[in-house]
Amino acid sequence: MSLSETIAPHLPYLRRYARALNGTQTSGDAYVVAVLEALVASPDSFDRSLPGRVALYRVFSQIWNSVAVNGEDPHEQPGTGLRAVEALTPRPRQAFLLTTVEGFSTSEAALVLAVEETELTQLIDTAGREIAGQVATDVLIIEDEPIIAMDLEMLVESLGHTVVGNARTHKEAVEMAQSKRPGLILADIQLADGSSGLDAVNEILPGLSVPVVFITAYPERLLTGERPEPAFLITKPFRQDMVKAVVSQALFFRDSAGDMRRATYA
């Protein structure tokens, strides 16, 4: 397969990533054009040992990161009024967008940025803390297992958010949501008294517009019946880095407009 045939299916997605990274489609497209020109001038810069999309984004990242202004802290640029992803520092911004908007795995994103996977995870964690610095919120946990609830509380607070309550039943969840008015809900589906966290969330949402992250060992129960939106799903047993990433993702998409897709997976 020729190089042009290899990269053609991925160009629309690269344009999306470039726009998200730069803030405008015009600026993003300028970098995409630079990538194409670089590949024409030096086809060997495309690493055919990698999956095509990974290799293409890697060339883009090499070019984007070679421009000095892209490595500057956006908060040091006067009068920008940046919010959400544009206010993230450059490397965490790239790691966050690659894994959330573009759907790369951490191992694939590490290849794109030419870093170790452990460093990639640290960059995503940094992005989460920076997002929390902008949109720190109150979090309601709906979880009947005390140890899991404590783990979730520590994870959420490590990002800079505040846990305002932990509900163990449907009734407690609804009452806490009405009284605390959280900005994010983390919910199990099967609760201690046999009630449903999904039913509780469906009762809460008509009166409270809030993103929901379901953390459950029974994901199939979210895939049947009426599904609340916006919702994100993490399966148990969960990884700490996954919870942090999805919490940040849920809050980012809550506060972001435009054509970035709302991802719902874990």
C-alpha atoms as a PDB file:
ATOM      1  CA  MET A   1       0.000   0.000   0.000  1.00  0.00           C
ATOM      2  CA  SER A   2       1.336   3.454  -0.902  1.00  0.00           C
ATOM      3  CA  LEU A   3       1.999   6.075   1.746  1.00  0.00           C
ATOM      4  CA  SER A   4      -0.871   8.244   0.506  1.00  0.00           C
ATOM      5  CA  GLU A   5      -3.275   5.290   0.689  1.00  0.00           C
ATOM      6  CA  THR A   6      -2.061   4.495   4.198  1.00  0.00           C
ATOM      7  CA  ILE A   7      -2.571   7.965   5.654  1.00  0.00           C
ATOM      8  CA  ALA A   8      -5.677   9.104   3.730  1.00  0.00           C
ATOM      9  CA  PRO A   9      -8.267   7.438   6.031  1.00  0.00           C
ATOM     10  CA  HIS A  10      -6.677   9.072   9.087  1.00  0.00           C
ATOM     11  CA  LEU A  11      -6.464  12.669   7.853  1.00  0.00           C
ATOM     12  CA  PRO A  12      -9.961  13.758   8.977  1.00  0.00           C
ATOM     13  CA  TYR A  13      -9.144  12.573  12.488  1.00  0.00           C
ATOM     14  CA  LEU A  14      -5.752  14.264  12.414  1.00  0.00           C
ATOM     15  CA  ARG A  15      -7.494  17.519  11.440  1.00  0.00           C
ATOM     16  CA  ARG A  16      -9.819  17.100  14.429  1.00  0.00           C
ATOM     17  CA  TYR A  17      -6.867  16.558  16.755  1.00  0.00           C
ATOM     18  CA  ALA A  18      -4.967  19.494  15.268  1.00  0.00           C
ATOM     19  CA  ARG A  19      -7.971  21.767  15.755  1.00  0.00           C
ATOM     20  CA  ALA A  20      -8.411  20.687  19.378  1.00  0.00           C
ATOM     21  CA  LEU A  21      -4.715  21.144  20.055  1.00  0.00           C
ATOM     22  CA  ASN A  22      -4.417  24.574  18.424  1.00  0.00           C
ATOM     23  CA  GLY A  23      -7.827  26.079  19.108  1.00  0.00           C
ATOM     24  CA  THR A  24      -8.872  26.819  15.509  1.00  0.00           C
ATOM     25  CA  GLN A  25      -9.295  24.748  12.363  1.00  0.00           C
ATOM     26  CA  THR A  26      -7.189  27.200  10.331  1.00  0.00           C
ATOM     27  CA  SER A  27      -4.223  26.889  12.671  1.00  0.00           C
ATOM     28  CA  GLY A  28      -4.656  23.140  12.962  1.00  0.00           C
ATOM     29  CA  ASP A  29      -4.820  22.650   9.206  1.00  0.00           C
ATOM     30  CA  ALA A  30      -1.580  24.572   8.780  1.00  0.00           C
ATOM     31  CA  TYR A  31       0.163  21.884  10.824  1.00  0.00           C
ATOM     32  CA  VAL A  32      -1.555  19.087   8.894  1.00  0.00           C
ATOM     33  CA  VAL A  33      -0.274  20.644   5.660  1.00  0.00           C
ATOM     34  CA  ALA A  34       3.203  20.826   7.185  1.00  0.00           C
ATOM     35  CA  VAL A  35       2.977  17.110   7.981  1.00  0.00           C
ATOM     36  CA  LEU A  36       2.025  16.254   4.393  1.00  0.00           C
ATOM     37  CA  GLU A  37       4.829  18.408   3.016  1.00  0.00           C
ATOM     38  CA  ALA A  38       7.310  16.731   5.377  1.00  0.00           C
ATOM     39  CA  LEU A  39       6.173  13.278   4.269  1.00  0.00           C
ATOM     40  CA  VAL A  40       6.558  14.211   0.608  1.00  0.00           C
ATOM     41  CA  ALA A  41      10.046  15.563   1.249  1.00  0.00           C
ATOM     42  CA  SER A  42      11.083  12.687   3.508  1.00  0.00           C
ATOM     43  CA  PRO A  43       8.880   9.562   3.257  1.00  0.00           C
ATOM     44  CA  ASP A  44      11.252   7.709   5.574  1.00  0.00           C
ATOM     45  CA  SER A  45      10.040   9.902   8.471  1.00  0.00           C
ATOM     46  CA  PHE A  46       6.865   7.767   8.437  1.00  0.00           C
ATOM     47  CA  ASP A  47       7.645   4.719  10.594  1.00  0.00           C
ATOM     48  CA  ARG A  48       6.033   1.775   8.803  1.00  0.00           C
ATOM     49  CA  SER A  49       6.779  -0.509  11.731  1.00  0.00           C
ATOM     50  CA  LEU A  50       3.974   1.287  13.602  1.00  0.00           C
ATOM     51  CA  PRO A  51       0.238   1.179  12.911  1.00  0.00           C
ATOM     52  CA  GLY A  52      -0.559   3.757  10.229  1.00  0.00           C
ATOM     53  CA  ARG A  53      -2.538   6.131  12.431  1.00  0.00           C
ATOM     54  CA  VAL A  54       0.066   6.008  15.194  1.00  0.00           C
ATOM     55  CA  ALA A  55       2.861   6.729  12.716  1.00  0.00           C
ATOM     56  CA  LEU A  56       0.977   9.665  11.174  1.00  0.00           C
ATOM     57  CA  TYR A  57       0.215  11.277  14.532  1.00  0.00           C
ATOM     58  CA  ARG A  58       3.827  10.724  15.564  1.00  0.00           C
ATOM     59  CA  VAL A  59       5.067  12.755  12.584  1.00  0.00           C
ATOM     60  CA  PHE A  60       2.526  15.456  13.449  1.00  0.00           C
ATOM     61  CA  SER A  61       3.698  15.511  17.087  1.00  0.00           C
ATOM     62  CA  GLN A  62       7.340  15.785  16.065  1.00  0.00           C
ATOM     63  CA  ILE A  63       6.552  18.816  13.902  1.00  0.00           C
ATOM     64  CA  TRP A  64       4.195  20.440  16.406  1.00  0.00           C
ATOM     65  CA  ASN A  65       6.617  20.042  19.305  1.00  0.00           C
ATOM     66  CA  SER A  66       9.492  21.418  17.216  1.00  0.00           C
ATOM     67  CA  VAL A  67       7.806  24.841  17.146  1.00  0.00           C
ATOM     68  CA  ALA A  68       9.062  26.744  20.183  1.00  0.00           C
ATOM     69  CA  VAL A  69       5.855  28.671  20.877  1.00  0.00           C
ATOM     70  CA  ASN A  70       3.920  25.415  21.249  1.00  0.00           C
ATOM     71  CA  GLY A  71       6.044  24.478  24.235  1.00  0.00           C
ATOM     72  CA  GLU A  72       5.253  27.662  26.165  1.00  0.00           C
ATOM     73  CA  ASP A  73       3.000  27.693  29.217  1.00  0.00           C
ATOM     74  CA  PRO A  74      -0.312  29.155  27.978  1.00  0.00           C
ATOM     75  CA  HIS A  75      -0.851  30.896  31.306  1.00  0.00           C
ATOM     76  CA  GLU A  76       2.209  33.041  30.636  1.00  0.00           C
ATOM     77  CA  GLN A  77       0.707  34.415  27.431  1.00  0.00           C
ATOM     78  CA  PRO A  78      -1.127  37.671  28.278  1.00  0.00           C
ATOM     79  CA  GLY A  79      -4.757  38.241  27.396  1.00  0.00           C
ATOM     80  CA  THR A  80      -5.504  34.726  26.201  1.00  0.00           C
ATOM     81  CA  GLY A  81      -8.548  34.113  28.395  1.00  0.00           C
ATOM     82  CA  LEU A  82      -8.063  30.399  27.855  1.00  0.00           C
ATOM     83  CA  ARG A  83     -10.340  27.752  29.287  1.00  0.00           C
ATOM     84  CA  ALA A  84     -10.602  23.959  29.251  1.00  0.00           C
ATOM     85  CA  VAL A  85      -8.129  22.179  26.984  1.00  0.00           C
ATOM     86  CA  GLU A  86      -6.452  25.329  25.631  1.00  0.00           C
ATOM     87  CA  ALA A  87      -5.304  26.185  29.154  1.00  0.00           C
ATOM     88  CA  LEU A  88      -3.544  22.857  29.711  1.00  0.00           C
ATOM     89  CA  THR A  89       0.225  22.907  29.478  1.00  0.00           C
ATOM     90  CA  PRO A  90       1.409  21.467  26.135  1.00  0.00           C
ATOM     91  CA  ARG A  91       2.541  17.923  26.889  1.00  0.00           C
ATOM     92  CA  PRO A  92      -0.356  17.043  29.230  1.00  0.00           C
ATOM     93  CA  ARG A  93      -2.721  18.630  26.700  1.00  0.00           C
ATOM     94  CA  GLN A  94      -1.444  16.310  23.968  1.00  0.00           C
ATOM     95  CA  ALA A  95      -1.626  13.213  26.177  1.00  0.00           C
ATOM     96  CA  PHE A  96      -5.162  14.068  27.277  1.00  0.00           C
ATOM     97  CA  LEU A  97      -6.466  14.703  23.757  1.00  0.00           C
ATOM     98  CA  LEU A  98      -4.789  11.625  22.299  1.00  0.00           C
ATOM     99  CA  THR A  99      -6.380   9.299  24.847  1.00  0.00           C
ATOM    100  CA  THR A 100      -9.802  10.950  25.234  1.00  0.00           C
ATOM    101  CA  VAL A 101     -10.747  12.695  21.998  1.00  0.00           C
ATOM    102  CA  GLU A 102      -8.707  10.478  19.655  1.00  0.00           C
ATOM    103  CA  GLY A 103      -9.200   7.216  21.522  1.00  0.00           C
ATOM    104  CA  PHE A 104      -5.596   6.011  21.523  1.00  0.00           C
ATOM    105  CA  SER A 105      -4.590   3.554  24.242  1.00  0.00           C
ATOM    106  CA  THR A 106      -1.906   4.740  26.650  1.00  0.00           C
ATOM    107  CA  SER A 107       0.650   2.550  24.888  1.00  0.00           C
ATOM    108  CA  GLU A 108      -0.293   4.010  21.478  1.00  0.00           C
ATOM    109  CA  ALA A 109      -0.262   7.580  22.781  1.00  0.00           C
ATOM    110  CA  ALA A 110       3.171   6.956  24.298  1.00  0.00           C
ATOM    111  CA  LEU A 111       4.413   5.910  20.863  1.00  0.00           C
ATOM    112  CA  VAL A 112       2.906   9.049  19.303  1.00  0.00           C
ATOM    113  CA  LEU A 113       4.687  11.296  21.797  1.00  0.00           C
ATOM    114  CA  ALA A 114       7.854   9.143  21.876  1.00  0.00           C
ATOM    115  CA  VAL A 115       7.752   8.698  25.656  1.00  0.00           C
ATOM    116  CA  GLU A 116       7.587   5.736  28.004  1.00  0.00           C
ATOM    117  CA  GLU A 117       4.101   4.581  28.966  1.00  0.00           C
ATOM    118  CA  THR A 118       4.740   5.509  32.600  1.00  0.00           C
ATOM    119  CA  GLU A 119       5.505   9.089  31.549  1.00  0.00           C
ATOM    120  CA  LEU A 120       2.378   9.164  29.398  1.00  0.00           C
ATOM    121  CA  THR A 121       0.299   8.156  32.429  1.00  0.00           C
ATOM    122  CA  GLN A 122       1.927  10.938  34.457  1.00  0.00           C
ATOM    123  CA  LEU A 123       1.075  13.454  31.731  1.00  0.00           C
ATOM    124  CA  ILE A 124      -2.582  12.388  31.784  1.00  0.00           C
ATOM    125  CA  ASP A 125      -2.585  12.686  35.573  1.00  0.00           C
ATOM    126  CA  THR A 126      -1.156  16.189  35.284  1.00  0.00           C
ATOM    127  CA  ALA A 127      -3.872  17.086  32.774  1.00  0.00           C
ATOM    128  CA  GLY A 128      -6.474  15.876  35.257  1.00  0.00           C
ATOM    129  CA  ARG A 129      -5.127  18.115  38.003  1.00  0.00           C
ATOM    130  CA  GLU A 130      -4.956  21.081  35.649  1.00  0.00           C
ATOM    131  CA  ILE A 131      -8.550  20.521  34.536  1.00  0.00           C
ATOM    132  CA  ALA A 132      -9.612  20.273  38.173  1.00  0.00           C
ATOM    133  CA  GLY A 133      -7.849  23.589  38.775  1.00  0.00           C
ATOM    134  CA  GLN A 134     -10.292  25.132  36.313  1.00  0.00           C
ATOM    135  CA  VAL A 135     -13.429  23.159  37.074  1.00  0.00           C
ATOM    136  CA  ALA A 136     -12.935  21.787  40.586  1.00  0.00           C
ATOM    137  CA  THR A 137     -16.309  20.542  41.718  1.00  0.00           C
ATOM    138  CA  ASP A 138     -18.275  18.748  44.426  1.00  0.00           C
ATOM    139  CA  VAL A 139     -18.608  15.009  43.862  1.00  0.00           C
ATOM    140  CA  LEU A 140     -21.291  12.626  45.097  1.00  0.00           C
ATOM    141  CA  ILE A 141     -20.277   8.964  45.343  1.00  0.00           C
ATOM    142  CA  ILE A 142     -22.987   6.302  45.192  1.00  0.00           C
ATOM    143  CA  GLU A 143     -21.261   3.111  46.335  1.00  0.00           C
ATOM    144  CA  ASP A 144     -22.265   0.515  48.937  1.00  0.00           C
ATOM    145  CA  GLU A 145     -18.800  -1.013  49.533  1.00  0.00           C
ATOM    146  CA  PRO A 146     -16.924   1.142  52.094  1.00  0.00           C
ATOM    147  CA  ILE A 147     -13.401   0.277  50.923  1.00  0.00           C
ATOM    148  CA  ILE A 148     -14.214   1.067  47.290  1.00  0.00           C
ATOM    149  CA  ALA A 149     -15.935   4.287  48.365  1.00  0.00           C
ATOM    150  CA  MET A 150     -12.815   5.316  50.303  1.00  0.00           C
ATOM    151  CA  ASP A 151     -10.590   4.536  47.319  1.00  0.00           C
ATOM    152  CA  LEU A 152     -12.783   6.647  45.041  1.00  0.00           C
ATOM    153  CA  GLU A 153     -12.826   9.499  47.541  1.00  0.00           C
ATOM    154  CA  MET A 154      -9.017   9.562  47.711  1.00  0.00           C
ATOM    155  CA  LEU A 155      -8.705   9.445  43.917  1.00  0.00           C
ATOM    156  CA  VAL A 156     -11.175  12.263  43.409  1.00  0.00           C
ATOM    157  CA  GLU A 157      -9.620  14.446  46.094  1.00  0.00           C
ATOM    158  CA  SER A 158      -6.124  13.829  44.694  1.00  0.00           C
ATOM    159  CA  LEU A 159      -7.322  15.664  41.562  1.00  0.00           C
ATOM    160  CA  GLY A 160      -8.517  18.640  43.609  1.00  0.00           C
ATOM    161  CA  HIS A 161     -12.239  17.889  43.838  1.00  0.00           C
ATOM    162  CA  THR A 162     -14.356  17.677  47.009  1.00  0.00           C
ATOM    163  CA  VAL A 163     -16.455  14.665  47.969  1.00  0.00           C
ATOM    164  CA  VAL A 164     -19.694  15.913  49.534  1.00  0.00           C
ATOM    165  CA  GLY A 165     -21.201  12.556  50.389  1.00  0.00           C
ATOM    166  CA  ASN A 166     -21.286   8.797  49.910  1.00  0.00           C
ATOM    167  CA  ALA A 167     -24.701   7.224  49.430  1.00  0.00           C
ATOM    168  CA  ARG A 168     -25.232   3.479  49.909  1.00  0.00           C
ATOM    169  CA  THR A 169     -28.843   3.230  48.731  1.00  0.00           C
ATOM    170  CA  HIS A 170     -31.192   4.685  46.115  1.00  0.00           C
ATOM    171  CA  LYS A 171     -32.983   6.792  48.733  1.00  0.00           C
ATOM    172  CA  GLU A 172     -29.766   8.196  50.222  1.00  0.00           C
ATOM    173  CA  ALA A 173     -28.450   9.024  46.745  1.00  0.00           C
ATOM    174  CA  VAL A 174     -31.517  11.025  45.756  1.00  0.00           C
ATOM    175  CA  GLU A 175     -31.635  12.881  49.085  1.00  0.00           C
ATOM    176  CA  MET A 176     -27.917  13.752  48.969  1.00  0.00           C
ATOM    177  CA  ALA A 177     -28.099  14.900  45.371  1.00  0.00           C
ATOM    178  CA  GLN A 178     -31.023  17.184  46.155  1.00  0.00           C
ATOM    179  CA  SER A 179     -29.349  18.681  49.223  1.00  0.00           C
ATOM    180  CA  LYS A 180     -25.698  18.810  48.077  1.00  0.00           C
ATOM    181  CA  ARG A 181     -26.206  19.656  44.354  1.00  0.00           C
ATOM    182  CA  PRO A 182     -22.916  18.004  43.225  1.00  0.00           C
ATOM    183  CA  GLY A 183     -21.145  18.826  39.979  1.00  0.00           C
ATOM    184  CA  LEU A 184     -20.272  15.175  39.283  1.00  0.00           C
ATOM    185  CA  ILE A 185     -21.684  11.802  40.313  1.00  0.00           C
ATOM    186  CA  LEU A 186     -19.746   8.527  40.563  1.00  0.00           C
ATOM    187  CA  ALA A 187     -22.260   5.689  40.835  1.00  0.00           C
ATOM    188  CA  ASP A 188     -22.324   1.947  41.273  1.00  0.00           C
ATOM    189  CA  ILE A 189     -25.317   0.193  39.711  1.00  0.00           C
ATOM    190  CA  GLN A 190     -26.114  -2.531  42.275  1.00  0.00           C
ATOM    191  CA  LEU A 191     -26.452  -1.118  45.797  1.00  0.00           C
ATOM    192  CA  ALA A 192     -26.493  -2.613  49.292  1.00  0.00           C
ATOM    193  CA  ASP A 193     -30.241  -2.830  49.814  1.00  0.00           C
ATOM    194  CA  GLY A 194     -30.836  -4.329  46.387  1.00  0.00           C
ATOM    195  CA  SER A 195     -31.768  -0.966  44.920  1.00  0.00           C
ATOM    196  CA  SER A 196     -30.337   0.393  41.691  1.00  0.00           C
ATOM    197  CA  GLY A 197     -27.839   3.200  41.309  1.00  0.00           C
ATOM    198  CA  LEU A 198     -29.016   3.533  37.724  1.00  0.00           C
ATOM    199  CA  ASP A 199     -32.585   4.130  38.902  1.00  0.00           C
ATOM    200  CA  ALA A 200     -31.303   6.660  41.433  1.00  0.00           C
ATOM    201  CA  VAL A 201     -29.378   8.557  38.765  1.00  0.00           C
ATOM    202  CA  ASN A 202     -32.394   8.553  36.445  1.00  0.00           C
ATOM    203  CA  GLU A 203     -34.410  10.094  39.278  1.00  0.00           C
ATOM    204  CA  ILE A 204     -31.712  12.674  40.049  1.00  0.00           C
ATOM    205  CA  LEU A 205     -30.967  13.931  36.535  1.00  0.00           C
ATOM    206  CA  PRO A 206     -34.275  15.614  35.662  1.00  0.00           C
ATOM    207  CA  GLY A 207     -33.638  18.108  38.441  1.00  0.00           C
ATOM    208  CA  LEU A 208     -29.850  18.290  38.208  1.00  0.00           C
ATOM    209  CA  SER A 209     -27.809  18.573  35.011  1.00  0.00           C
ATOM    210  CA  VAL A 210     -24.608  16.776  35.968  1.00  0.00           C
ATOM    211  CA  PRO A 211     -22.183  14.309  34.324  1.00  0.00           C
ATOM    212  CA  VAL A 212     -22.292  10.764  35.658  1.00  0.00           C
ATOM    213  CA  VAL A 213     -19.550   8.147  35.765  1.00  0.00           C
ATOM    214  CA  PHE A 214     -20.833   4.623  36.419  1.00  0.00           C
ATOM    215  CA  ILE A 215     -18.287   2.335  38.099  1.00  0.00           C
ATOM    216  CA  THR A 216     -19.702  -1.172  38.165  1.00  0.00           C
ATOM    217  CA  ALA A 217     -19.049  -4.883  37.882  1.00  0.00           C
ATOM    218  CA  TYR A 218     -22.305  -5.158  35.926  1.00  0.00           C
ATOM    219  CA  PRO A 219     -21.794  -2.970  32.823  1.00  0.00           C
ATOM    220  CA  GLU A 220     -24.438  -4.910  30.898  1.00  0.00           C
ATOM    221  CA  ARG A 221     -27.077  -3.358  33.155  1.00  0.00           C
ATOM    222  CA  LEU A 222     -26.190   0.079  31.837  1.00  0.00           C
ATOM    223  CA  LEU A 223     -26.563  -1.147  28.282  1.00  0.00           C
ATOM    224  CA  THR A 224     -30.188  -2.130  28.787  1.00  0.00           C
ATOM    225  CA  GLY A 225     -33.082   0.073  29.692  1.00  0.00           C
ATOM    226  CA  GLU A 226     -33.069   3.841  29.773  1.00  0.00           C
ATOM    227  CA  ARG A 227     -29.542   5.212  29.811  1.00  0.00           C
ATOM    228  CA  PRO A 228     -28.835   8.627  31.355  1.00  0.00           C
ATOM    229  CA  GLU A 229     -26.761  11.189  29.464  1.00  0.00           C
ATOM    230  CA  PRO A 230     -24.094  12.347  29.755  1.00  0.00           C
ATOM    231  CA  ALA A 231     -22.766   9.097  31.219  1.00  0.00           C
ATOM    232  CA  PHE A 232     -19.374   7.403  31.300  1.00  0.00           C
ATOM    233  CA  LEU A 233     -18.695   3.776  32.162  1.00  0.00           C
ATOM    234  CA  ILE A 234     -15.820   2.136  34.051  1.00  0.00           C
ATOM    235  CA  THR A 235     -15.853  -1.572  34.817  1.00  0.00           C
ATOM    236  CA  LYS A 236     -14.732  -3.102  38.111  1.00  0.00           C
ATOM    237  CA  PRO A 237     -12.099  -3.930  39.100  1.00  0.00           C
ATOM    238  CA  PHE A 238     -10.965  -0.477  38.029  1.00  0.00           C
ATOM    239  CA  ARG A 239      -7.522   1.015  37.586  1.00  0.00           C
ATOM    240  CA  GLN A 240      -6.760   4.228  39.440  1.00  0.00           C
ATOM    241  CA  ASP A 241      -5.391   5.955  36.355  1.00  0.00           C
ATOM    242  CA  MET A 242      -8.562   5.072  34.442  1.00  0.00           C
ATOM    243  CA  VAL A 243     -10.808   6.629  37.100  1.00  0.00           C
ATOM    244  CA  LYS A 244      -8.724   9.798  37.147  1.00  0.00           C
ATOM    245  CA  ALA A 245      -8.742  10.060  33.370  1.00  0.00           C
ATOM    246  CA  VAL A 246     -12.489   9.497  33.017  1.00  0.00           C
ATOM    247  CA  VAL A 247     -13.351  11.939  35.826  1.00  0.00           C
ATOM    248  CA  SER A 248     -11.284  14.602  34.068  1.00  0.00           C
ATOM    249  CA  GLN A 249     -12.822  13.637  30.736  1.00  0.00           C
ATOM    250  CA  ALA A 250     -16.375  13.921  32.080  1.00  0.00           C
ATOM    251  CA  LEU A 251     -15.743  17.398  33.484  1.00  0.00           C
ATOM    252  CA  PHE A 252     -13.870  18.527  30.377  1.00  0.00           C
ATOM    253  CA  PHE A 253     -16.697  17.541  28.054  1.00  0.00           C
ATOM    254  CA  ARG A 254     -19.219  19.110  30.419  1.00  0.00           C
ATOM    255  CA  ASP A 255     -17.489  22.467  30.056  1.00  0.00           C
ATOM    256  CA  SER A 256     -16.408  22.217  26.406  1.00  0.00           C
ATOM    257  CA  ALA A 257     -18.373  23.024  23.282  1.00  0.00           C
ATOM    258  CA  GLY A 258     -17.642  22.346  19.626  1.00  0.00           C
ATOM    259  CA  ASP A 259     -17.245  19.229  17.604  1.00  0.00           C
ATOM    260  CA  MET A 260     -15.301  17.056  20.068  1.00  0.00           C
ATOM    261  CA  ARG A 261     -17.129  13.826  20.533  1.00  0.00           C
ATOM    262  CA  ARG A 262     -18.378  12.753  23.954  1.00  0.00           C
ATOM    263  CA  ALA A 263     -16.633   9.446  24.591  1.00  0.00           C
ATOM    264  CA  THR A 264     -18.370   6.817  26.675  1.00  0.00           C
ATOM    265  CA  TYR A 265     -16.047   3.932  27.423  1.00  0.00           C
ATOM    266  CA  ALA A 266     -13.461   2.533  29.790  1.00  0.00           C
END
